[in-house]
Amino acid sequence: MATIMGKRLKKLLLCMTILLSVTVFNIFQVTAVDVNKNCSLTLNECLSRLNVHLYRVASVSKDGSYEYTD
């Protein structure tokens, strides 16, 4: 009976550790997005007759969530 409780306790601790890790990771991920930062794109290989198409598929709101563009 003690081994069953020990296994359950280990599973519970593992689940809580994973849940805490995911929560902390998501907090740092949201704060890592700087919505006011300007960015640029540089193409170093310019081939003749090369067509490049850039698509803006989403924008980032101030809270760090993505809003899809039309």
C-alpha atoms as a PDB file:
ATOM      1  CA  MET A   1       0.000   0.000   0.000  1.00  0.00           C
ATOM      2  CA  ALA A   2       2.869   2.355   0.773  1.00  0.00           C
ATOM      3  CA  THR A   3       4.384   1.866  -2.684  1.00  0.00           C
ATOM      4  CA  ILE A   4       1.097   2.818  -4.345  1.00  0.00           C
ATOM      5  CA  MET A   5       0.957   6.058  -2.342  1.00  0.00           C
ATOM      6  CA  GLY A   6       4.618   6.684  -3.149  1.00  0.00           C
ATOM      7  CA  LYS A   7       3.968   6.270  -6.878  1.00  0.00           C
ATOM      8  CA  ARG A   8       0.970   8.588  -6.704  1.00  0.00           C
ATOM      9  CA  LEU A   9       2.999  11.185  -4.843  1.00  0.00           C
ATOM     10  CA  LYS A  10       5.790  10.954  -7.429  1.00  0.00           C
ATOM     11  CA  LYS A  11       3.284  11.372 -10.267  1.00  0.00           C
ATOM     12  CA  LEU A  12       1.698  14.356  -8.541  1.00  0.00           C
ATOM     13  CA  LEU A  13       5.077  16.004  -7.967  1.00  0.00           C
ATOM     14  CA  LEU A  14       6.061  15.380 -11.586  1.00  0.00           C
ATOM     15  CA  CYS A  15       2.819  16.920 -12.864  1.00  0.00           C
ATOM     16  CA  MET A  16       3.217  19.957 -10.615  1.00  0.00           C
ATOM     17  CA  THR A  17       6.824  20.431 -11.750  1.00  0.00           C
ATOM     18  CA  ILE A  18       5.829  20.274 -15.421  1.00  0.00           C
ATOM     19  CA  LEU A  19       2.928  22.661 -14.858  1.00  0.00           C
ATOM     20  CA  LEU A  20       5.166  25.153 -13.072  1.00  0.00           C
ATOM     21  CA  SER A  21       7.821  24.906 -15.795  1.00  0.00           C
ATOM     22  CA  VAL A  22       5.302  25.579 -18.569  1.00  0.00           C
ATOM     23  CA  THR A  23       3.824  28.516 -16.667  1.00  0.00           C
ATOM     24  CA  VAL A  24       7.209  30.134 -16.072  1.00  0.00           C
ATOM     25  CA  PHE A  25       8.221  29.551 -19.709  1.00  0.00           C
ATOM     26  CA  ASN A  26       5.031  31.239 -20.967  1.00  0.00           C
ATOM     27  CA  ILE A  27       5.573  34.257 -18.711  1.00  0.00           C
ATOM     28  CA  PHE A  28       9.083  34.816 -20.077  1.00  0.00           C
ATOM     29  CA  GLN A  29       7.915  34.221 -23.640  1.00  0.00           C
ATOM     30  CA  VAL A  30       5.276  36.969 -23.443  1.00  0.00           C
ATOM     31  CA  THR A  31       7.627  39.492 -21.874  1.00  0.00           C
ATOM     32  CA  ALA A  32      10.301  38.774 -24.499  1.00  0.00           C
ATOM     33  CA  VAL A  33       8.231  40.383 -27.301  1.00  0.00           C
ATOM     34  CA  ASP A  34       9.109  44.056 -27.766  1.00  0.00           C
ATOM     35  CA  VAL A  35       6.205  45.507 -29.750  1.00  0.00           C
ATOM     36  CA  ASN A  36       7.868  48.920 -30.148  1.00  0.00           C
ATOM     37  CA  LYS A  37      11.091  47.643 -31.693  1.00  0.00           C
ATOM     38  CA  ASN A  38      11.724  48.408 -35.358  1.00  0.00           C
ATOM     39  CA  CYS A  39      13.118  45.621 -37.461  1.00  0.00           C
ATOM     40  CA  SER A  40      14.576  45.197 -40.910  1.00  0.00           C
ATOM     41  CA  LEU A  41      15.167  42.484 -43.457  1.00  0.00           C
ATOM     42  CA  THR A  42      18.334  42.289 -45.527  1.00  0.00           C
ATOM     43  CA  LEU A  43      18.700  40.068 -48.582  1.00  0.00           C
ATOM     44  CA  ASN A  44      22.345  39.297 -49.279  1.00  0.00           C
ATOM     45  CA  GLU A  45      21.885  37.075 -52.320  1.00  0.00           C
ATOM     46  CA  CYS A  46      20.294  39.118 -55.086  1.00  0.00           C
ATOM     47  CA  LEU A  47      19.712  36.919 -58.088  1.00  0.00           C
ATOM     48  CA  SER A  48      18.439  38.342 -61.333  1.00  0.00           C
ATOM     49  CA  ARG A  49      14.739  37.819 -61.941  1.00  0.00           C
ATOM     50  CA  LEU A  50      14.226  36.803 -58.314  1.00  0.00           C
ATOM     51  CA  ASN A  51      10.765  37.664 -57.018  1.00  0.00           C
ATOM     52  CA  VAL A  52      10.379  38.034 -53.282  1.00  0.00           C
ATOM     53  CA  HIS A  53       6.962  38.169 -51.648  1.00  0.00           C
ATOM     54  CA  LEU A  54       6.588  39.188 -48.015  1.00  0.00           C
ATOM     55  CA  TYR A  55       3.327  38.600 -46.215  1.00  0.00           C
ATOM     56  CA  ARG A  56       2.257  40.069 -42.918  1.00  0.00           C
ATOM     57  CA  VAL A  57       0.134  37.387 -41.327  1.00  0.00           C
ATOM     58  CA  ALA A  58      -0.211  38.784 -37.810  1.00  0.00           C
ATOM     59  CA  SER A  59       0.526  41.713 -35.585  1.00  0.00           C
ATOM     60  CA  VAL A  60       1.497  41.639 -31.930  1.00  0.00           C
ATOM     61  CA  SER A  61      -0.725  43.435 -29.446  1.00  0.00           C
ATOM     62  CA  LYS A  62       0.672  45.181 -26.367  1.00  0.00           C
ATOM     63  CA  ASP A  63      -0.088  42.181 -24.147  1.00  0.00           C
ATOM     64  CA  GLY A  64       2.006  39.913 -26.393  1.00  0.00           C
ATOM     65  CA  SER A  65      -0.818  38.051 -28.121  1.00  0.00           C
ATOM     66  CA  TYR A  66      -0.976  37.701 -31.895  1.00  0.00           C
ATOM     67  CA  GLU A  67      -3.791  39.164 -33.987  1.00  0.00           C
ATOM     68  CA  TYR A  68      -4.126  37.733 -37.478  1.00  0.00           C
ATOM     69  CA  THR A  69      -4.364  40.212 -40.333  1.00  0.00           C
ATOM     70  CA  ASP A  70      -6.882  39.987 -43.156  1.00  0.00           C
END
